[in-house]
Amino acid sequence: MALAFALPVMWAVAWTFDWASFLNNRSDYEEVVRLAREGRFDAKVREYQEHDGTTFMLDEGPPRRVAFPMPGGFLDNWSGVIYDPTGEVMLADGFDSETGEFAAPERITKLFYGDIVSCRHMLGSFYNCSFT
């Protein structure tokens, strides 16, 4: 019985933390996105970059997408806020139970050098996504 209540509470706490982090950093994210769209960063760099203390990764595109990793993660599992002007990251919806393959097309799952497992819409073109 306790487990039935514990899991929803843990998910709610995690989602609250994600929202608080996003809202706290939103203006910094928007500034990085603006500069990325202007071509101020090298999108061919396949590792983390930083601007005024904000860590991010770029997808070459088109379209130009930006990932802002959240603190934490374990091994190659991580989550972060993704800027995607197309909203196509929402195609990431876990695995196909019959084939064991990702539900989303490879052009989505392979963004940011990982495998996007799932995404939730936040505001505008910002999404909270989980990677493995």
N, C-alpha and C. Protein backbone atom coordinates (compact mmCIF):
# COMPACT_ATOMS: atom_id res chain seq x y z
N MET A 1 0.82 -1.19 0.00
CA MET A 1 0.00 0.00 0.00
C MET A 1 0.87 1.27 0.00
N ALA A 2 1.92 1.25 0.83
CA ALA A 2 2.79 2.42 0.91
C ALA A 2 3.47 2.69 -0.42
N LEU A 3 3.83 1.62 -1.15
CA LEU A 3 4.47 1.78 -2.45
C LEU A 3 3.53 2.45 -3.45
N ALA A 4 2.26 2.15 -3.34
CA ALA A 4 1.27 2.76 -4.24
C ALA A 4 1.24 4.28 -4.08
N PHE A 5 1.52 4.76 -2.89
CA PHE A 5 1.55 6.21 -2.65
C PHE A 5 2.95 6.79 -2.86
N ALA A 6 3.97 5.99 -2.59
CA ALA A 6 5.35 6.50 -2.67
C ALA A 6 5.74 6.86 -4.09
N LEU A 7 5.43 6.02 -5.06
CA LEU A 7 5.84 6.30 -6.45
C LEU A 7 5.22 7.59 -6.99
N PRO A 8 3.91 7.79 -6.87
CA PRO A 8 3.36 9.07 -7.35
C PRO A 8 3.94 10.29 -6.63
N VAL A 9 4.22 10.14 -5.35
CA VAL A 9 4.81 11.25 -4.59
C VAL A 9 6.21 11.55 -5.12
N MET A 10 7.01 10.50 -5.36
CA MET A 10 8.37 10.70 -5.89
C MET A 10 8.33 11.34 -7.26
N TRP A 11 7.41 10.91 -8.13
CA TRP A 11 7.29 11.51 -9.46
C TRP A 11 6.88 12.98 -9.35
N ALA A 12 5.95 13.27 -8.45
CA ALA A 12 5.51 14.65 -8.28
C ALA A 12 6.64 15.54 -7.77
N VAL A 13 7.42 15.03 -6.84
CA VAL A 13 8.56 15.79 -6.32
C VAL A 13 9.58 16.04 -7.44
N ALA A 14 9.87 15.00 -8.22
CA ALA A 14 10.83 15.15 -9.33
C ALA A 14 10.31 16.16 -10.35
N TRP A 15 9.05 16.10 -10.69
CA TRP A 15 8.47 17.03 -11.67
C TRP A 15 8.47 18.45 -11.12
N THR A 16 8.22 18.61 -9.83
CA THR A 16 8.27 19.93 -9.20
C THR A 16 9.70 20.48 -9.26
N PHE A 17 10.68 19.63 -8.97
CA PHE A 17 12.08 20.05 -9.06
C PHE A 17 12.42 20.47 -10.48
N ASP A 18 11.98 19.70 -11.48
CA ASP A 18 12.25 20.04 -12.88
C ASP A 18 11.66 21.39 -13.25
N TRP A 19 10.43 21.64 -12.83
CA TRP A 19 9.79 22.93 -13.12
C TRP A 19 10.51 24.08 -12.42
N ALA A 20 10.85 23.88 -11.16
CA ALA A 20 11.54 24.94 -10.42
C ALA A 20 12.88 25.26 -11.07
N SER A 21 13.61 24.24 -11.46
CA SER A 21 14.90 24.45 -12.13
C SER A 21 14.70 25.17 -13.46
N PHE A 22 13.71 24.73 -14.24
CA PHE A 22 13.45 25.36 -15.53
C PHE A 22 13.09 26.84 -15.36
N LEU A 23 12.17 27.13 -14.46
CA LEU A 23 11.75 28.52 -14.27
C LEU A 23 12.89 29.39 -13.75
N ASN A 24 13.73 28.82 -12.90
CA ASN A 24 14.87 29.55 -12.36
C ASN A 24 15.91 29.88 -13.44
N ASN A 25 16.03 29.01 -14.45
CA ASN A 25 17.05 29.16 -15.48
C ASN A 25 16.50 29.59 -16.84
N ARG A 26 15.22 29.80 -16.92
CA ARG A 26 14.57 30.06 -18.22
C ARG A 26 15.21 31.21 -19.00
N SER A 27 15.49 32.33 -18.36
CA SER A 27 16.05 33.47 -19.09
C SER A 27 17.45 33.14 -19.62
N ASP A 28 18.23 32.37 -18.87
CA ASP A 28 19.55 31.94 -19.35
C ASP A 28 19.40 31.01 -20.55
N TYR A 29 18.44 30.08 -20.48
CA TYR A 29 18.20 29.17 -21.61
C TYR A 29 17.79 29.96 -22.85
N GLU A 30 16.89 30.92 -22.67
CA GLU A 30 16.43 31.71 -23.81
C GLU A 30 17.57 32.51 -24.43
N GLU A 31 18.49 33.00 -23.60
CA GLU A 31 19.65 33.74 -24.12
C GLU A 31 20.56 32.81 -24.94
N VAL A 32 20.83 31.61 -24.44
CA VAL A 32 21.65 30.65 -25.19
C VAL A 32 20.96 30.28 -26.50
N VAL A 33 19.66 30.05 -26.47
CA VAL A 33 18.92 29.72 -27.69
C VAL A 33 19.04 30.86 -28.70
N ARG A 34 18.87 32.09 -28.24
CA ARG A 34 18.97 33.25 -29.13
C ARG A 34 20.35 33.30 -29.79
N LEU A 35 21.40 33.14 -28.98
CA LEU A 35 22.76 33.19 -29.52
C LEU A 35 23.03 32.01 -30.45
N ALA A 36 22.49 30.84 -30.13
CA ALA A 36 22.67 29.67 -30.99
C ALA A 36 21.99 29.89 -32.34
N ARG A 37 20.82 30.47 -32.32
CA ARG A 37 20.11 30.74 -33.58
C ARG A 37 20.85 31.76 -34.43
N GLU A 38 21.58 32.66 -33.77
CA GLU A 38 22.40 33.64 -34.48
C GLU A 38 23.71 33.05 -34.98
N GLY A 39 23.99 31.80 -34.61
CA GLY A 39 25.22 31.14 -35.06
C GLY A 39 26.44 31.49 -34.25
N ARG A 40 26.26 31.93 -33.01
CA ARG A 40 27.39 32.35 -32.17
C ARG A 40 28.18 31.19 -31.58
N PHE A 41 27.62 29.97 -31.63
CA PHE A 41 28.31 28.80 -31.07
C PHE A 41 28.57 27.81 -32.18
N ASP A 42 29.60 26.99 -32.01
CA ASP A 42 29.96 25.98 -33.01
C ASP A 42 29.11 24.73 -32.79
N ALA A 43 28.17 24.49 -33.70
CA ALA A 43 27.26 23.35 -33.57
C ALA A 43 27.95 22.02 -33.89
N LYS A 44 29.16 22.06 -34.44
CA LYS A 44 29.88 20.83 -34.75
C LYS A 44 30.60 20.25 -33.52
N VAL A 45 30.67 21.04 -32.46
CA VAL A 45 31.29 20.57 -31.22
C VAL A 45 30.36 19.53 -30.62
N ARG A 46 30.87 18.32 -30.46
CA ARG A 46 30.04 17.21 -29.97
C ARG A 46 30.23 16.99 -28.47
N GLU A 47 30.29 18.08 -27.74
CA GLU A 47 30.43 17.98 -26.29
C GLU A 47 29.78 19.21 -25.66
N TYR A 48 29.80 19.25 -24.33
CA TYR A 48 29.19 20.37 -23.63
C TYR A 48 29.91 21.68 -23.95
N GLN A 49 29.12 22.73 -24.04
CA GLN A 49 29.64 24.09 -24.16
C GLN A 49 29.08 24.88 -22.99
N GLU A 50 29.59 26.08 -22.80
CA GLU A 50 29.12 26.90 -21.70
C GLU A 50 29.05 28.35 -22.12
N HIS A 51 28.03 29.04 -21.64
CA HIS A 51 27.88 30.48 -21.86
C HIS A 51 27.39 31.09 -20.54
N ASP A 52 28.20 31.98 -19.98
CA ASP A 52 27.85 32.67 -18.73
C ASP A 52 27.34 31.72 -17.66
N GLY A 53 28.00 30.57 -17.51
CA GLY A 53 27.65 29.61 -16.47
C GLY A 53 26.55 28.63 -16.84
N THR A 54 26.00 28.74 -18.03
CA THR A 54 24.95 27.82 -18.47
C THR A 54 25.56 26.77 -19.39
N THR A 55 25.47 25.51 -18.99
CA THR A 55 26.00 24.40 -19.77
C THR A 55 24.94 23.95 -20.76
N PHE A 56 25.38 23.66 -22.00
CA PHE A 56 24.44 23.24 -23.04
C PHE A 56 25.15 22.41 -24.10
N MET A 57 24.36 21.77 -24.94
CA MET A 57 24.84 21.07 -26.13
C MET A 57 23.99 21.53 -27.30
N LEU A 58 24.60 21.53 -28.47
CA LEU A 58 23.88 21.93 -29.67
C LEU A 58 23.72 20.75 -30.62
N ASP A 59 22.61 20.73 -31.31
CA ASP A 59 22.40 19.81 -32.42
C ASP A 59 22.60 20.64 -33.69
N GLU A 60 23.34 20.10 -34.64
CA GLU A 60 23.63 20.86 -35.86
C GLU A 60 22.38 21.25 -36.63
N GLY A 61 21.36 20.38 -36.59
CA GLY A 61 20.14 20.69 -37.32
C GLY A 61 20.30 20.55 -38.81
N PRO A 62 19.47 21.15 -39.60
CA PRO A 62 18.34 21.92 -39.12
C PRO A 62 17.21 21.02 -38.63
N PRO A 63 16.39 21.51 -37.77
CA PRO A 63 16.45 22.80 -37.08
C PRO A 63 17.48 22.75 -35.95
N ARG A 64 17.90 23.89 -35.51
CA ARG A 64 18.87 23.99 -34.43
C ARG A 64 18.15 23.72 -33.12
N ARG A 65 18.57 22.67 -32.43
CA ARG A 65 18.02 22.33 -31.12
C ARG A 65 19.12 22.52 -30.08
N VAL A 66 18.72 22.81 -28.84
CA VAL A 66 19.66 23.04 -27.75
C VAL A 66 19.23 22.19 -26.56
N ALA A 67 20.20 21.50 -25.93
CA ALA A 67 19.94 20.71 -24.73
C ALA A 67 20.63 21.35 -23.55
N PHE A 68 19.92 21.44 -22.44
CA PHE A 68 20.44 21.96 -21.19
C PHE A 68 20.36 20.84 -20.16
N PRO A 69 21.47 20.11 -19.93
CA PRO A 69 21.43 18.98 -18.99
C PRO A 69 21.10 19.44 -17.58
N MET A 70 20.31 18.61 -16.88
CA MET A 70 19.95 18.87 -15.49
C MET A 70 20.99 18.18 -14.61
N PRO A 71 21.16 18.66 -13.39
CA PRO A 71 22.10 17.99 -12.48
C PRO A 71 21.66 16.56 -12.21
N GLY A 72 22.63 15.72 -11.94
CA GLY A 72 22.33 14.33 -11.60
C GLY A 72 22.55 13.42 -12.79
N GLY A 73 21.83 12.34 -12.82
CA GLY A 73 22.01 11.34 -13.84
C GLY A 73 22.91 10.23 -13.32
N PHE A 74 22.84 9.09 -13.98
CA PHE A 74 23.61 7.93 -13.56
C PHE A 74 24.17 7.28 -14.81
N LEU A 75 25.50 7.16 -14.84
CA LEU A 75 26.20 6.61 -16.01
C LEU A 75 25.80 7.40 -17.24
N ASP A 76 25.21 6.74 -18.24
CA ASP A 76 24.83 7.47 -19.46
C ASP A 76 23.37 7.90 -19.45
N ASN A 77 22.70 7.76 -18.32
CA ASN A 77 21.31 8.21 -18.19
C ASN A 77 21.30 9.64 -17.67
N TRP A 78 20.57 10.49 -18.35
CA TRP A 78 20.49 11.87 -17.92
C TRP A 78 19.17 12.46 -18.37
N SER A 79 18.84 13.61 -17.83
CA SER A 79 17.65 14.33 -18.26
C SER A 79 18.03 15.78 -18.45
N GLY A 80 17.21 16.48 -19.18
CA GLY A 80 17.50 17.87 -19.42
C GLY A 80 16.35 18.59 -20.09
N VAL A 81 16.50 19.89 -20.16
CA VAL A 81 15.55 20.73 -20.88
C VAL A 81 16.04 20.84 -22.31
N ILE A 82 15.17 20.58 -23.24
CA ILE A 82 15.49 20.64 -24.67
C ILE A 82 14.69 21.76 -25.31
N TYR A 83 15.38 22.57 -26.08
CA TYR A 83 14.70 23.56 -26.92
C TYR A 83 14.55 22.93 -28.29
N ASP A 84 13.32 22.76 -28.74
CA ASP A 84 13.03 22.18 -30.05
C ASP A 84 11.90 22.97 -30.69
N PRO A 85 12.21 23.83 -31.67
CA PRO A 85 11.17 24.67 -32.27
C PRO A 85 10.12 23.87 -33.04
N THR A 86 10.40 22.61 -33.37
CA THR A 86 9.44 21.79 -34.12
C THR A 86 8.53 20.98 -33.21
N GLY A 87 8.94 20.74 -31.97
CA GLY A 87 8.17 19.89 -31.07
C GLY A 87 8.30 18.41 -31.37
N GLU A 88 9.15 18.05 -32.33
CA GLU A 88 9.28 16.64 -32.71
C GLU A 88 9.87 15.76 -31.62
N VAL A 89 10.53 16.34 -30.62
CA VAL A 89 11.05 15.51 -29.53
C VAL A 89 9.91 14.79 -28.81
N MET A 90 8.69 15.28 -28.94
CA MET A 90 7.55 14.62 -28.31
C MET A 90 7.25 13.26 -28.95
N LEU A 91 7.88 12.97 -30.08
CA LEU A 91 7.74 11.64 -30.68
C LEU A 91 8.41 10.58 -29.81
N ALA A 92 9.35 10.99 -28.97
CA ALA A 92 10.03 10.06 -28.07
C ALA A 92 9.03 9.62 -27.00
N ASP A 93 8.67 8.37 -27.05
CA ASP A 93 7.65 7.85 -26.15
C ASP A 93 8.00 6.42 -25.74
N GLY A 94 9.22 6.25 -25.25
CA GLY A 94 9.63 4.94 -24.76
C GLY A 94 9.95 3.96 -25.87
N PHE A 95 9.67 2.70 -25.59
CA PHE A 95 10.00 1.61 -26.49
C PHE A 95 8.74 0.97 -27.04
N ASP A 96 8.85 0.41 -28.24
CA ASP A 96 7.78 -0.39 -28.82
C ASP A 96 7.83 -1.75 -28.13
N SER A 97 6.76 -2.13 -27.48
CA SER A 97 6.77 -3.37 -26.69
C SER A 97 6.95 -4.62 -27.54
N GLU A 98 6.57 -4.55 -28.80
CA GLU A 98 6.70 -5.73 -29.67
C GLU A 98 8.11 -5.90 -30.21
N THR A 99 8.75 -4.82 -30.61
CA THR A 99 10.07 -4.91 -31.25
C THR A 99 11.22 -4.62 -30.30
N GLY A 100 10.94 -3.96 -29.18
CA GLY A 100 12.00 -3.56 -28.27
C GLY A 100 12.78 -2.36 -28.77
N GLU A 101 12.36 -1.77 -29.88
CA GLU A 101 13.01 -0.59 -30.45
C GLU A 101 12.36 0.67 -29.89
N PHE A 102 13.08 1.79 -30.00
CA PHE A 102 12.51 3.06 -29.59
C PHE A 102 11.29 3.38 -30.46
N ALA A 103 10.28 3.99 -29.85
CA ALA A 103 9.06 4.34 -30.58
C ALA A 103 9.30 5.47 -31.57
N ALA A 104 10.22 6.36 -31.26
CA ALA A 104 10.49 7.52 -32.12
C ALA A 104 11.46 7.14 -33.23
N PRO A 105 11.44 7.88 -34.33
CA PRO A 105 12.42 7.63 -35.39
C PRO A 105 13.83 7.96 -34.92
N GLU A 106 14.82 7.35 -35.55
CA GLU A 106 16.22 7.52 -35.13
C GLU A 106 16.65 8.98 -35.17
N ARG A 107 16.12 9.78 -36.10
CA ARG A 107 16.51 11.20 -36.18
C ARG A 107 16.14 11.95 -34.90
N ILE A 108 15.22 11.41 -34.13
CA ILE A 108 14.85 12.00 -32.84
C ILE A 108 15.60 11.32 -31.70
N THR A 109 15.58 9.99 -31.66
CA THR A 109 16.20 9.30 -30.53
C THR A 109 17.70 9.57 -30.44
N LYS A 110 18.36 9.86 -31.55
CA LYS A 110 19.81 10.04 -31.53
C LYS A 110 20.25 11.49 -31.32
N LEU A 111 19.33 12.39 -31.06
CA LEU A 111 19.70 13.77 -30.78
C LEU A 111 20.59 13.84 -29.54
N PHE A 112 21.56 14.69 -29.56
CA PHE A 112 22.45 14.97 -28.43
C PHE A 112 23.22 13.73 -27.99
N TYR A 113 23.53 12.87 -28.95
CA TYR A 113 24.51 11.79 -28.76
C TYR A 113 24.10 10.78 -27.69
N GLY A 114 22.82 10.64 -27.51
CA GLY A 114 22.29 9.64 -26.58
C GLY A 114 21.06 9.03 -27.20
N ASP A 115 20.22 8.48 -26.39
CA ASP A 115 18.94 7.96 -26.85
C ASP A 115 17.85 8.64 -26.04
N ILE A 116 17.03 9.45 -26.70
CA ILE A 116 15.91 10.10 -26.00
C ILE A 116 14.84 9.03 -25.78
N VAL A 117 14.48 8.85 -24.53
CA VAL A 117 13.47 7.85 -24.17
C VAL A 117 12.08 8.48 -24.14
N SER A 118 11.98 9.67 -23.52
CA SER A 118 10.66 10.31 -23.41
C SER A 118 10.84 11.80 -23.20
N CYS A 119 9.80 12.54 -23.52
CA CYS A 119 9.79 14.00 -23.33
C CYS A 119 8.42 14.45 -22.85
N ARG A 120 8.44 15.52 -22.06
CA ARG A 120 7.20 16.17 -21.62
C ARG A 120 7.30 17.65 -21.97
N HIS A 121 6.22 18.20 -22.46
CA HIS A 121 6.19 19.61 -22.83
C HIS A 121 6.23 20.47 -21.58
N MET A 122 7.00 21.56 -21.66
CA MET A 122 7.03 22.51 -20.55
C MET A 122 6.32 23.78 -21.00
N LEU A 123 7.05 24.70 -21.62
CA LEU A 123 6.47 25.94 -22.12
C LEU A 123 7.04 26.24 -23.49
N GLY A 124 6.22 26.77 -24.38
CA GLY A 124 6.71 27.16 -25.70
C GLY A 124 7.41 26.02 -26.38
N SER A 125 8.66 26.24 -26.77
CA SER A 125 9.46 25.22 -27.47
C SER A 125 10.40 24.50 -26.52
N PHE A 126 10.11 24.51 -25.23
CA PHE A 126 10.95 23.83 -24.24
C PHE A 126 10.28 22.55 -23.75
N TYR A 127 11.10 21.50 -23.62
CA TYR A 127 10.63 20.17 -23.23
C TYR A 127 11.58 19.59 -22.19
N ASN A 128 11.05 18.78 -21.31
CA ASN A 128 11.86 18.05 -20.36
C ASN A 128 12.00 16.63 -20.90
N CYS A 129 13.23 16.20 -21.19
CA CYS A 129 13.45 14.91 -21.82
C CYS A 129 14.40 14.04 -21.00
N SER A 130 14.19 12.73 -21.10
CA SER A 130 15.04 11.74 -20.44
C SER A 130 15.82 10.97 -21.49
N PHE A 131 17.11 10.73 -21.20
CA PHE A 131 18.00 10.05 -22.12
C PHE A 131 18.57 8.80 -21.45
N THR A 132 18.93 7.83 -22.29
CA THR A 132 19.66 6.68 -21.82
C THR A 132 20.84 6.42 -22.75
